[in-house]
Amino acid sequence: MDALRLLADVPLAIEVELGRPNLTIRDLLALEPGSLVVLGRAAGENLDVRVAGALIGYGELVLTDVAAAVRITDFRSED
């Protein structure tokens, strides 16, 4: 338990994947302010939550008056 306590304050990058669109270079170069990029996820669909690249769980997008956040809905169990 002492080893875990030593690691408790180590910062980790958390990533939330909204989608992975595929664009051609032509489409990418045509983007301008106001352009929409379809992310490939339906509204309300779970988002992947990753820590250091590893999938740890799922969440949902929450919008407030001042920010966007992710509500964790499920943690992935080891198979």
C-alpha atoms as a PDB file:
ATOM      1  CA  MET A   1       0.000   0.000   0.000  1.00  0.00           C
ATOM      2  CA  ASP A   2       2.923   2.365   0.605  1.00  0.00           C
ATOM      3  CA  ALA A   3       3.990   2.084  -3.048  1.00  0.00           C
ATOM      4  CA  LEU A   4       0.522   3.113  -4.182  1.00  0.00           C
ATOM      5  CA  ARG A   5       0.615   6.083  -1.819  1.00  0.00           C
ATOM      6  CA  LEU A   6       3.875   7.226  -3.458  1.00  0.00           C
ATOM      7  CA  LEU A   7       2.184   7.199  -6.863  1.00  0.00           C
ATOM      8  CA  ALA A   8      -1.021   8.907  -5.750  1.00  0.00           C
ATOM      9  CA  ASP A   9       0.122  12.403  -6.800  1.00  0.00           C
ATOM     10  CA  VAL A  10       1.653  11.452 -10.164  1.00  0.00           C
ATOM     11  CA  PRO A  11      -0.203  13.385 -12.892  1.00  0.00           C
ATOM     12  CA  LEU A  12      -1.699  11.332 -15.732  1.00  0.00           C
ATOM     13  CA  ALA A  13      -3.164  12.529 -19.016  1.00  0.00           C
ATOM     14  CA  ILE A  14      -6.853  11.706 -19.394  1.00  0.00           C
ATOM     15  CA  GLU A  15      -8.276  11.591 -22.912  1.00  0.00           C
ATOM     16  CA  VAL A  16     -11.935  11.469 -23.900  1.00  0.00           C
ATOM     17  CA  GLU A  17     -12.593  10.371 -27.441  1.00  0.00           C
ATOM     18  CA  LEU A  18     -15.538  12.073 -29.099  1.00  0.00           C
ATOM     19  CA  GLY A  19     -14.933  10.338 -32.423  1.00  0.00           C
ATOM     20  CA  ARG A  20     -12.398   9.573 -35.142  1.00  0.00           C
ATOM     21  CA  PRO A  21     -13.440  11.186 -38.394  1.00  0.00           C
ATOM     22  CA  ASN A  22     -11.581  10.325 -41.579  1.00  0.00           C
ATOM     23  CA  LEU A  23     -10.917  13.300 -43.827  1.00  0.00           C
ATOM     24  CA  THR A  24      -9.035  13.584 -47.077  1.00  0.00           C
ATOM     25  CA  ILE A  25      -6.322  16.218 -47.258  1.00  0.00           C
ATOM     26  CA  ARG A  26      -8.623  18.162 -49.604  1.00  0.00           C
ATOM     27  CA  ASP A  27     -11.411  18.127 -46.983  1.00  0.00           C
ATOM     28  CA  LEU A  28      -8.991  19.062 -44.213  1.00  0.00           C
ATOM     29  CA  LEU A  29      -7.649  22.035 -46.172  1.00  0.00           C
ATOM     30  CA  ALA A  30     -11.214  23.181 -46.920  1.00  0.00           C
ATOM     31  CA  LEU A  31     -12.056  23.573 -43.217  1.00  0.00           C
ATOM     32  CA  GLU A  32     -12.684  27.104 -42.055  1.00  0.00           C
ATOM     33  CA  PRO A  33     -14.232  28.730 -38.999  1.00  0.00           C
ATOM     34  CA  GLY A  34     -17.780  27.466 -38.680  1.00  0.00           C
ATOM     35  CA  SER A  35     -17.122  24.195 -40.541  1.00  0.00           C
ATOM     36  CA  LEU A  36     -18.702  21.083 -39.034  1.00  0.00           C
ATOM     37  CA  VAL A  37     -16.789  17.826 -38.728  1.00  0.00           C
ATOM     38  CA  VAL A  38     -18.977  14.774 -38.121  1.00  0.00           C
ATOM     39  CA  LEU A  39     -17.398  12.774 -35.311  1.00  0.00           C
ATOM     40  CA  GLY A  40     -19.140   9.470 -35.991  1.00  0.00           C
ATOM     41  CA  ARG A  41     -20.819   9.116 -32.605  1.00  0.00           C
ATOM     42  CA  ALA A  42     -24.518   9.537 -32.012  1.00  0.00           C
ATOM     43  CA  ALA A  43     -25.750  12.013 -29.421  1.00  0.00           C
ATOM     44  CA  GLY A  44     -25.970  10.241 -26.079  1.00  0.00           C
ATOM     45  CA  GLU A  45     -23.557   7.484 -27.095  1.00  0.00           C
ATOM     46  CA  ASN A  46     -20.868   6.559 -24.556  1.00  0.00           C
ATOM     47  CA  LEU A  47     -17.494   8.233 -24.943  1.00  0.00           C
ATOM     48  CA  ASP A  48     -14.246   6.323 -24.443  1.00  0.00           C
ATOM     49  CA  VAL A  49     -12.223   7.522 -21.422  1.00  0.00           C
ATOM     50  CA  ARG A  50      -8.508   6.716 -21.617  1.00  0.00           C
ATOM     51  CA  VAL A  51      -5.620   7.204 -19.202  1.00  0.00           C
ATOM     52  CA  ALA A  52      -2.148   7.050 -20.716  1.00  0.00           C
ATOM     53  CA  GLY A  53      -3.724   5.562 -23.847  1.00  0.00           C
ATOM     54  CA  ALA A  54      -5.460   2.679 -22.043  1.00  0.00           C
ATOM     55  CA  LEU A  55      -9.259   2.444 -22.083  1.00  0.00           C
ATOM     56  CA  ILE A  56     -10.429   2.659 -18.467  1.00  0.00           C
ATOM     57  CA  GLY A  57     -14.119   3.354 -18.854  1.00  0.00           C
ATOM     58  CA  TYR A  58     -16.916   5.244 -20.507  1.00  0.00           C
ATOM     59  CA  GLY A  59     -18.633   8.551 -19.991  1.00  0.00           C
ATOM     60  CA  GLU A  60     -21.155  10.988 -21.369  1.00  0.00           C
ATOM     61  CA  LEU A  61     -20.739  14.581 -22.461  1.00  0.00           C
ATOM     62  CA  VAL A  62     -22.235  17.151 -20.079  1.00  0.00           C
ATOM     63  CA  LEU A  63     -22.600  20.795 -21.118  1.00  0.00           C
ATOM     64  CA  THR A  64     -22.971  23.594 -18.583  1.00  0.00           C
ATOM     65  CA  ASP A  65     -23.264  27.348 -19.012  1.00  0.00           C
ATOM     66  CA  VAL A  66     -19.495  27.782 -18.847  1.00  0.00           C
ATOM     67  CA  ALA A  67     -17.849  24.439 -19.655  1.00  0.00           C
ATOM     68  CA  ALA A  68     -18.015  21.002 -21.166  1.00  0.00           C
ATOM     69  CA  ALA A  69     -17.288  18.003 -18.966  1.00  0.00           C
ATOM     70  CA  VAL A  70     -17.506  14.222 -18.987  1.00  0.00           C
ATOM     71  CA  ARG A  71     -19.580  12.304 -16.468  1.00  0.00           C
ATOM     72  CA  ILE A  72     -18.030   8.880 -15.876  1.00  0.00           C
ATOM     73  CA  THR A  73     -20.780   6.295 -16.364  1.00  0.00           C
ATOM     74  CA  ASP A  74     -18.865   3.035 -16.173  1.00  0.00           C
ATOM     75  CA  PHE A  75     -15.383   1.720 -15.448  1.00  0.00           C
ATOM     76  CA  ARG A  76     -14.053  -1.041 -17.649  1.00  0.00           C
ATOM     77  CA  SER A  77     -13.389  -4.262 -15.764  1.00  0.00           C
ATOM     78  CA  GLU A  78     -10.409  -6.402 -16.623  1.00  0.00           C
ATOM     79  CA  ASP A  79     -11.298  -9.482 -18.668  1.00  0.00           C
END
